[in-house]
C-alpha atoms as a PDB file:
ATOM      1  CA  MET A   1       0.172   0.224  -0.731  1.00  0.00           C
ATOM      2  CA  THR A   2       0.940   3.378  -0.300  1.00  0.00           C
ATOM      3  CA  VAL A   3       1.177   5.894   1.807  1.00  0.00           C
ATOM      4  CA  SER A   4       1.312   9.820   1.667  1.00  0.00           C
ATOM      5  CA  ALA A   5       0.363  12.162   4.740  1.00  0.00           C
ATOM      6  CA  HIS A   6       2.502  14.262   7.345  1.00  0.00           C
ATOM      7  CA  TYR A   7       5.347  12.341   8.967  1.00  0.00           C
ATOM      8  CA  ARG A   8       6.045  13.303  12.961  1.00  0.00           C
ATOM      9  CA  THR A   9       8.752  12.149  14.439  1.00  0.00           C
ATOM     10  CA  ASP A  10      10.582  12.999  18.500  1.00  0.00           C
ATOM     11  CA  SER A  11      13.846  10.451  17.118  1.00  0.00           C
ATOM     12  CA  MET A  12      13.382   8.783  20.446  1.00  0.00           C
ATOM     13  CA  HIS A  13       9.809   7.882  21.886  1.00  0.00           C
ATOM     14  CA  TYR A  14       7.059   7.890  18.612  1.00  0.00           C
ATOM     15  CA  ALA A  15       6.976   8.364  15.048  1.00  0.00           C
ATOM     16  CA  TYR A  16       3.786   8.536  13.523  1.00  0.00           C
ATOM     17  CA  LEU A  17       1.907   9.361   9.861  1.00  0.00           C
ATOM     18  CA  ASP A  18      -1.160  11.369  10.602  1.00  0.00           C
ATOM     19  CA  ASP A  19      -3.298  12.532   7.633  1.00  0.00           C
ATOM     20  CA  GLU A  20      -6.269  15.259   7.859  1.00  0.00           C
ATOM     21  CA  GLY A  21      -7.593  13.247   5.061  1.00  0.00           C
ATOM     22  CA  CYS A  22      -7.783   9.939   6.824  1.00  0.00           C
ATOM     23  CA  GLU A  23      -9.509   8.945  10.629  1.00  0.00           C
ATOM     24  CA  ALA A  24      -6.375   6.909  11.481  1.00  0.00           C
ATOM     25  CA  THR A  25      -2.677   8.182  13.030  1.00  0.00           C
ATOM     26  CA  LEU A  26      -0.458   5.443  11.378  1.00  0.00           C
ATOM     27  CA  GLN A  27       2.622   4.804  13.996  1.00  0.00           C
ATOM     28  CA  MET A  28       6.059   4.041  12.369  1.00  0.00           C
ATOM     29  CA  GLY A  29       6.773   0.370  11.859  1.00  0.00           C
ATOM     30  CA  TYR A  30       9.493  -2.625  12.690  1.00  0.00           C
ATOM     31  CA  GLU A  31      12.262  -3.544   9.893  1.00  0.00           C
ATOM     32  CA  VAL A  32      11.286  -5.781   8.184  1.00  0.00           C
ATOM     33  CA  PRO A  33      13.097  -8.430   5.228  1.00  0.00           C
ATOM     34  CA  GLU A  34      11.474  -5.956   2.015  1.00  0.00           C
ATOM     35  CA  ARG A  35      13.020  -3.492   2.692  1.00  0.00           C
ATOM     36  CA  ASP A  36      14.790  -1.956   0.877  1.00  0.00           C
ATOM     37  CA  ALA A  37      17.791   1.034   0.230  1.00  0.00           C
ATOM     38  CA  SER A  38      15.307   3.723   0.066  1.00  0.00           C
ATOM     39  CA  VAL A  39      14.741   3.479   3.832  1.00  0.00           C
ATOM     40  CA  ALA A  40      17.589   3.737   4.895  1.00  0.00           C
ATOM     41  CA  ASP A  41      18.528   6.943   3.279  1.00  0.00           C
ATOM     42  CA  PHE A  42      15.173   8.800   5.156  1.00  0.00           C
ATOM     43  CA  GLU A  43      16.399   7.475   7.894  1.00  0.00           C
ATOM     44  CA  ALA A  44      20.210   8.531   7.551  1.00  0.00           C
ATOM     45  CA  ALA A  45      18.472  11.909   6.287  1.00  0.00           C
ATOM     46  CA  GLU A  46      16.405  11.939   9.555  1.00  0.00           C
ATOM     47  CA  SER A  47      19.747  11.439  11.271  1.00  0.00           C
ATOM     48  CA  ARG A  48      21.756  14.111   9.801  1.00  0.00           C
ATOM     49  CA  ILE A  49      19.226  16.818  10.487  1.00  0.00           C
ATOM     50  CA  CYS A  50      19.151  15.916  13.717  1.00  0.00           C
ATOM     51  CA  VAL A  51      23.199  16.236  14.357  1.00  0.00           C
ATOM     52  CA  GLU A  52      23.678  19.376  12.200  1.00  0.00           C
ATOM     53  CA  THR A  53      21.246  21.098  14.371  1.00  0.00           C
ATOM     54  CA  GLY A  54      22.969  19.986  17.358  1.00  0.00           C
ATOM     55  CA  ARG A  55      20.408  17.414  18.989  1.00  0.00           C
ATOM     56  CA  PRO A  56      21.253  14.090  17.837  1.00  0.00           C
ATOM     57  CA  TYR A  57      18.924  12.505  20.257  1.00  0.00           C
ATOM     58  CA  LEU A  58      16.041  14.206  21.117  1.00  0.00           C
ATOM     59  CA  CYS A  59      15.649  15.692  17.555  1.00  0.00           C
ATOM     60  CA  VAL A  60      10.939  17.007  16.896  1.00  0.00           C
ATOM     61  CA  LEU A  61      10.917  16.576  13.188  1.00  0.00           C
ATOM     62  CA  GLU A  62       8.267  16.431  10.823  1.00  0.00           C
ATOM     63  CA  GLY A  63       7.756  16.753   6.729  1.00  0.00           C
ATOM     64  CA  LYS A  64       5.508  15.378   3.946  1.00  0.00           C
ATOM     65  CA  LEU A  65       6.516  11.631   3.322  1.00  0.00           C
ATOM     66  CA  THR A  66       5.036   9.161   1.077  1.00  0.00           C
ATOM     67  CA  LEU A  67       6.177   5.415   1.381  1.00  0.00           C
ATOM     68  CA  ARG A  68       5.132   2.103   0.331  1.00  0.00           C
ATOM     69  CA  GLY A  69       5.102  -0.879   2.987  1.00  0.00           C
ATOM     70  CA  GLU A  70       2.138  -3.290   5.181  1.00  0.00           C
ATOM     71  CA  ILE A  71       0.230  -1.927   7.343  1.00  0.00           C
ATOM     72  CA  VAL A  72      -0.284  -4.616  10.605  1.00  0.00           C
ATOM     73  CA  TRP A  73      -1.737  -3.581  13.896  1.00  0.00           C
ATOM     74  CA  ILE A  74       0.505  -4.158  16.588  1.00  0.00           C
ATOM     75  CA  SER A  75      -0.076  -4.814  20.589  1.00  0.00           C
ATOM     76  CA  GLU A  76       1.243  -1.954  22.871  1.00  0.00           C
ATOM     77  CA  ALA A  77       2.572  -4.392  25.285  1.00  0.00           C
ATOM     78  CA  HIS A  78       5.355  -2.304  27.619  1.00  0.00           C
ATOM     79  CA  LEU A  79       2.505   0.123  27.395  1.00  0.00           C
ATOM     80  CA  GLU A  80      -1.199  -1.402  27.759  1.00  0.00           C
ATOM     81  CA  PRO A  81      -1.336  -5.088  26.402  1.00  0.00           C
ATOM     82  CA  ASP A  82      -4.703  -5.340  25.388  1.00  0.00           C
ATOM     83  CA  ILE A  83      -4.581  -2.574  23.303  1.00  0.00           C
ATOM     84  CA  GLN A  84      -3.688  -2.060  19.238  1.00  0.00           C
ATOM     85  CA  THR A  85      -2.745   0.226  16.866  1.00  0.00           C
ATOM     86  CA  LEU A  86      -2.471   0.269  13.877  1.00  0.00           C
ATOM     87  CA  ALA A  87       1.030   0.834  11.590  1.00  0.00           C
ATOM     88  CA  ILE A  88       2.678   0.633   8.328  1.00  0.00           C
ATOM     89  CA  ASN A  89       6.059  -1.616   7.578  1.00  0.00           C
ATOM     90  CA  PRO A  90       7.871   0.684   5.575  1.00  0.00           C
ATOM     91  CA  HIS A  91       9.888  -1.465   2.143  1.00  0.00           C
ATOM     92  CA  SER A  92       9.973   1.454   0.469  1.00  0.00           C
ATOM     93  CA  VAL A  93      10.189   5.388   0.656  1.00  0.00           C
ATOM     94  CA  VAL A  94       8.873   7.020  -2.475  1.00  0.00           C
ATOM     95  CA  THR A  95       9.920  11.006  -1.715  1.00  0.00           C
ATOM     96  CA  PHE A  96      10.429  12.555   2.220  1.00  0.00           C
ATOM     97  CA  GLU A  97      10.713  16.592   2.526  1.00  0.00           C
ATOM     98  CA  PHE A  98      11.262  17.485   6.207  1.00  0.00           C
ATOM     99  CA  THR A  99       9.684  21.104   6.685  1.00  0.00           C
ATOM    100  CA  GLY A 100      12.063  23.529   7.923  1.00  0.00           C
ATOM    101  CA  ALA A 101      15.444  21.594   8.066  1.00  0.00           C
ATOM    102  CA  SER A 102      18.405  22.312   5.647  1.00  0.00           C
ATOM    103  CA  ALA A 103      18.846  19.396   4.530  1.00  0.00           C
ATOM    104  CA  PRO A 104      16.986  18.560   0.408  1.00  0.00           C
ATOM    105  CA  GLY A 105      14.256  16.020   1.096  1.00  0.00           C
ATOM    106  CA  ARG A 106      14.824  12.513  -1.052  1.00  0.00           C
END
C-alpha cells in the first residue's frame, strides 16, 4: 500500500504518519525483510538533520512522507497489553521532505 501523509517524530519515543483526510494515525512499524535502501536513506537523512542542528538524541522533526509498505496491527505490550494500534512496516520511501529542515528531501 502507498501512503502519503504528514510525518512526525521525536527520533526516540514516537514516529507516526497523520493524514487529515484519514481517520487513522499510523505508527511507523518495524524493520522487515522487504525494506529497500530508500528506507535507510530516509533514516540517515533524519539522523543527519538532528546532528547538524545539535540535537542528536531527542530531535523533533516533521514533514511530508510518501512510502510503500504493509499496514499491520501492533500490540502496545509495554504500555497496555490489550491496546492495538495500526502501523505501517515500510518497504520503500518514495519521497520525503522535512519541514523547515536544511537538508534536502528526496
